[in-house]
Amino acid sequence: MKNFRELIIWQKGMQIATNCFKIVEEFPSREKFGLSLQVTKAGVSIPSNIAEANSRRSDKDKLRFIEFSLGSCFELQTQLLLAKSVKFGNQELIDVTLALIEEEIKMIHGFMGTLNPDQIAKG
């Protein structure tokens, strides 16, 4: 089993999560328990679920955690688009992070395609 820290999708997920913390530093303080918290939780969830997927033996279990990671990508994308529309946070960093999320989504879909569909269907 490959160390999850060697997975490019995990590394990209970590960059996304790191960017999330930098982005919310510039949110209004009133958002500390609102959008800021949701952005950081969704960002952290991406690499966390990829790491957890790597610990699973069956492709069915791996797929479940990879799907959680993918869902967090879409959730974070929505939250950052909202932050952008209300001009919260560093707008340039939000744009960079949105581009990273797009790359991550494509990579996650590719990773999902490597999983054994026969093993998944049997579960």
C-alpha atoms as a PDB file:
ATOM      1  CA  MET A   1       0.000   0.000   0.000  1.00  0.00           C
ATOM      2  CA  LYS A   2       1.395   3.381  -1.028  1.00  0.00           C
ATOM      3  CA  ASN A   3       1.943   5.962   1.689  1.00  0.00           C
ATOM      4  CA  PHE A   4      -0.877   8.496   1.366  1.00  0.00           C
ATOM      5  CA  ARG A   5       1.627  11.369   1.639  1.00  0.00           C
ATOM      6  CA  GLU A   6       3.064  10.274  -1.707  1.00  0.00           C
ATOM      7  CA  LEU A   7      -0.295  10.588  -3.470  1.00  0.00           C
ATOM      8  CA  ILE A   8      -0.507  13.698  -5.627  1.00  0.00           C
ATOM      9  CA  ILE A   9      -4.236  13.996  -4.928  1.00  0.00           C
ATOM     10  CA  TRP A  10      -3.452  14.101  -1.195  1.00  0.00           C
ATOM     11  CA  GLN A  11      -0.674  16.682  -1.713  1.00  0.00           C
ATOM     12  CA  LYS A  12      -2.968  18.883  -3.779  1.00  0.00           C
ATOM     13  CA  GLY A  13      -5.677  18.446  -1.141  1.00  0.00           C
ATOM     14  CA  MET A  14      -3.224  19.631   1.513  1.00  0.00           C
ATOM     15  CA  GLN A  15      -2.441  22.748  -0.552  1.00  0.00           C
ATOM     16  CA  ILE A  16      -6.156  23.439  -0.883  1.00  0.00           C
ATOM     17  CA  ALA A  17      -6.652  23.008   2.880  1.00  0.00           C
ATOM     18  CA  THR A  18      -3.689  25.270   3.647  1.00  0.00           C
ATOM     19  CA  ASN A  19      -5.075  27.928   1.299  1.00  0.00           C
ATOM     20  CA  CYS A  20      -8.433  27.734   3.071  1.00  0.00           C
ATOM     21  CA  PHE A  21      -6.859  28.749   6.376  1.00  0.00           C
ATOM     22  CA  LYS A  22      -5.093  31.661   4.669  1.00  0.00           C
ATOM     23  CA  ILE A  23      -8.288  32.749   2.915  1.00  0.00           C
ATOM     24  CA  VAL A  24     -10.426  32.857   6.063  1.00  0.00           C
ATOM     25  CA  GLU A  25      -7.805  34.925   7.917  1.00  0.00           C
ATOM     26  CA  GLU A  26      -9.168  37.866   5.941  1.00  0.00           C
ATOM     27  CA  PHE A  27     -12.864  37.111   6.512  1.00  0.00           C
ATOM     28  CA  PRO A  28     -14.782  39.440   8.835  1.00  0.00           C
ATOM     29  CA  SER A  29     -14.542  38.311  12.469  1.00  0.00           C
ATOM     30  CA  ARG A  30     -18.334  37.866  12.570  1.00  0.00           C
ATOM     31  CA  GLU A  31     -17.835  34.898  10.205  1.00  0.00           C
ATOM     32  CA  LYS A  32     -15.594  32.999  12.639  1.00  0.00           C
ATOM     33  CA  PHE A  33     -18.310  30.416  13.351  1.00  0.00           C
ATOM     34  CA  GLY A  34     -20.088  30.760  10.027  1.00  0.00           C
ATOM     35  CA  LEU A  35     -18.580  30.606   6.587  1.00  0.00           C
ATOM     36  CA  SER A  36     -14.991  30.578   7.929  1.00  0.00           C
ATOM     37  CA  LEU A  37     -15.599  27.388   9.862  1.00  0.00           C
ATOM     38  CA  GLN A  38     -17.353  25.716   6.947  1.00  0.00           C
ATOM     39  CA  VAL A  39     -14.557  26.628   4.518  1.00  0.00           C
ATOM     40  CA  THR A  40     -11.834  25.243   6.757  1.00  0.00           C
ATOM     41  CA  LYS A  41     -13.800  22.075   7.590  1.00  0.00           C
ATOM     42  CA  ALA A  42     -14.498  21.333   3.919  1.00  0.00           C
ATOM     43  CA  GLY A  43     -10.887  22.084   3.001  1.00  0.00           C
ATOM     44  CA  VAL A  44      -9.499  19.785   5.699  1.00  0.00           C
ATOM     45  CA  SER A  45     -11.951  17.056   4.707  1.00  0.00           C
ATOM     46  CA  ILE A  46     -10.468  16.711   1.215  1.00  0.00           C
ATOM     47  CA  PRO A  47      -7.008  15.354   2.124  1.00  0.00           C
ATOM     48  CA  SER A  48      -8.307  13.701   5.300  1.00  0.00           C
ATOM     49  CA  ASN A  49     -10.696  11.460   3.383  1.00  0.00           C
ATOM     50  CA  ILE A  50      -8.046  10.666   0.785  1.00  0.00           C
ATOM     51  CA  ALA A  51      -5.723   9.564   3.600  1.00  0.00           C
ATOM     52  CA  GLU A  52      -8.476   7.477   5.155  1.00  0.00           C
ATOM     53  CA  ALA A  53      -9.290   5.878   1.785  1.00  0.00           C
ATOM     54  CA  ASN A  54      -5.674   4.824   1.519  1.00  0.00           C
ATOM     55  CA  SER A  55      -5.993   2.851   4.757  1.00  0.00           C
ATOM     56  CA  ARG A  56      -8.870   0.743   3.433  1.00  0.00           C
ATOM     57  CA  ARG A  57      -8.288  -2.686   1.952  1.00  0.00           C
ATOM     58  CA  SER A  58     -11.233  -3.019  -0.393  1.00  0.00           C
ATOM     59  CA  ASP A  59     -11.864  -0.798  -3.388  1.00  0.00           C
ATOM     60  CA  LYS A  60     -15.461  -0.457  -2.209  1.00  0.00           C
ATOM     61  CA  ASP A  61     -14.300   1.112   1.067  1.00  0.00           C
ATOM     62  CA  LYS A  62     -11.711   3.244  -0.741  1.00  0.00           C
ATOM     63  CA  LEU A  63     -14.382   4.522  -3.111  1.00  0.00           C
ATOM     64  CA  ARG A  64     -16.620   5.578  -0.236  1.00  0.00           C
ATOM     65  CA  PHE A  65     -13.933   7.842   1.250  1.00  0.00           C
ATOM     66  CA  ILE A  66     -12.842   9.148  -2.146  1.00  0.00           C
ATOM     67  CA  GLU A  67     -16.473  10.088  -2.794  1.00  0.00           C
ATOM     68  CA  PHE A  68     -16.512  11.985   0.536  1.00  0.00           C
ATOM     69  CA  SER A  69     -13.429  13.865  -0.633  1.00  0.00           C
ATOM     70  CA  LEU A  70     -15.075  14.666  -3.955  1.00  0.00           C
ATOM     71  CA  GLY A  71     -18.173  15.915  -2.165  1.00  0.00           C
ATOM     72  CA  SER A  72     -16.008  18.163  -0.016  1.00  0.00           C
ATOM     73  CA  CYS A  73     -14.464  19.605  -3.185  1.00  0.00           C
ATOM     74  CA  PHE A  74     -17.883  20.590  -4.483  1.00  0.00           C
ATOM     75  CA  GLU A  75     -18.910  21.918  -1.078  1.00  0.00           C
ATOM     76  CA  LEU A  76     -15.751  24.029  -0.820  1.00  0.00           C
ATOM     77  CA  GLN A  77     -16.138  25.266  -4.366  1.00  0.00           C
ATOM     78  CA  THR A  78     -19.613  26.566  -3.490  1.00  0.00           C
ATOM     79  CA  GLN A  79     -18.401  28.217  -0.294  1.00  0.00           C
ATOM     80  CA  LEU A  80     -15.498  29.949  -2.029  1.00  0.00           C
ATOM     81  CA  LEU A  81     -17.741  31.159  -4.826  1.00  0.00           C
ATOM     82  CA  LEU A  82     -20.015  32.627  -2.159  1.00  0.00           C
ATOM     83  CA  ALA A  83     -17.043  34.258  -0.405  1.00  0.00           C
ATOM     84  CA  LYS A  84     -15.969  35.680  -3.747  1.00  0.00           C
ATOM     85  CA  SER A  85     -19.415  37.077  -4.466  1.00  0.00           C
ATOM     86  CA  VAL A  86     -19.564  38.889  -1.108  1.00  0.00           C
ATOM     87  CA  LYS A  87     -15.874  39.877  -1.382  1.00  0.00           C
ATOM     88  CA  PHE A  88     -14.670  38.026   1.725  1.00  0.00           C
ATOM     89  CA  GLY A  89     -11.018  36.984   1.841  1.00  0.00           C
ATOM     90  CA  ASN A  90      -8.131  37.335  -0.549  1.00  0.00           C
ATOM     91  CA  GLN A  91      -9.826  37.235  -3.947  1.00  0.00           C
ATOM     92  CA  GLU A  92      -6.677  36.208  -5.815  1.00  0.00           C
ATOM     93  CA  LEU A  93      -6.034  33.323  -3.429  1.00  0.00           C
ATOM     94  CA  ILE A  94      -9.664  32.268  -3.778  1.00  0.00           C
ATOM     95  CA  ASP A  95      -9.222  32.158  -7.578  1.00  0.00           C
ATOM     96  CA  VAL A  96      -6.025  30.106  -7.225  1.00  0.00           C
ATOM     97  CA  THR A  97      -7.765  27.734  -4.835  1.00  0.00           C
ATOM     98  CA  LEU A  98     -10.795  27.355  -7.094  1.00  0.00           C
ATOM     99  CA  ALA A  99      -8.428  26.352  -9.903  1.00  0.00           C
ATOM    100  CA  LEU A 100      -6.716  23.837  -7.605  1.00  0.00           C
ATOM    101  CA  ILE A 101     -10.119  22.399  -6.694  1.00  0.00           C
ATOM    102  CA  GLU A 102     -10.946  21.948 -10.388  1.00  0.00           C
ATOM    103  CA  GLU A 103      -7.678  20.048 -10.844  1.00  0.00           C
ATOM    104  CA  GLU A 104      -8.382  17.997  -7.722  1.00  0.00           C
ATOM    105  CA  ILE A 105     -11.854  17.042  -8.954  1.00  0.00           C
ATOM    106  CA  LYS A 106     -10.396  15.768 -12.225  1.00  0.00           C
ATOM    107  CA  MET A 107      -7.684  13.843 -10.400  1.00  0.00           C
ATOM    108  CA  ILE A 108     -10.176  12.296  -7.993  1.00  0.00           C
ATOM    109  CA  HIS A 109     -12.348  11.164 -10.905  1.00  0.00           C
ATOM    110  CA  GLY A 110      -9.248   9.618 -12.473  1.00  0.00           C
ATOM    111  CA  PHE A 111      -8.354   7.873  -9.235  1.00  0.00           C
ATOM    112  CA  MET A 112     -11.883   6.521  -8.951  1.00  0.00           C
ATOM    113  CA  GLY A 113     -11.446   5.020 -12.401  1.00  0.00           C
ATOM    114  CA  THR A 114      -8.488   2.952 -11.158  1.00  0.00           C
ATOM    115  CA  LEU A 115     -10.563   1.150  -8.579  1.00  0.00           C
ATOM    116  CA  ASN A 116     -11.754  -2.363  -9.408  1.00  0.00           C
ATOM    117  CA  PRO A 117     -15.402  -2.098 -10.512  1.00  0.00           C
ATOM    118  CA  ASP A 118     -15.955  -5.854  -9.994  1.00  0.00           C
ATOM    119  CA  GLN A 119     -14.942  -5.604  -6.370  1.00  0.00           C
ATOM    120  CA  ILE A 120     -17.095  -2.499  -5.879  1.00  0.00           C
ATOM    121  CA  ALA A 121     -20.184  -4.068  -7.481  1.00  0.00           C
ATOM    122  CA  LYS A 122     -19.963  -7.165  -5.250  1.00  0.00           C
ATOM    123  CA  GLY A 123     -20.055  -5.142  -2.034  1.00  0.00           C
END
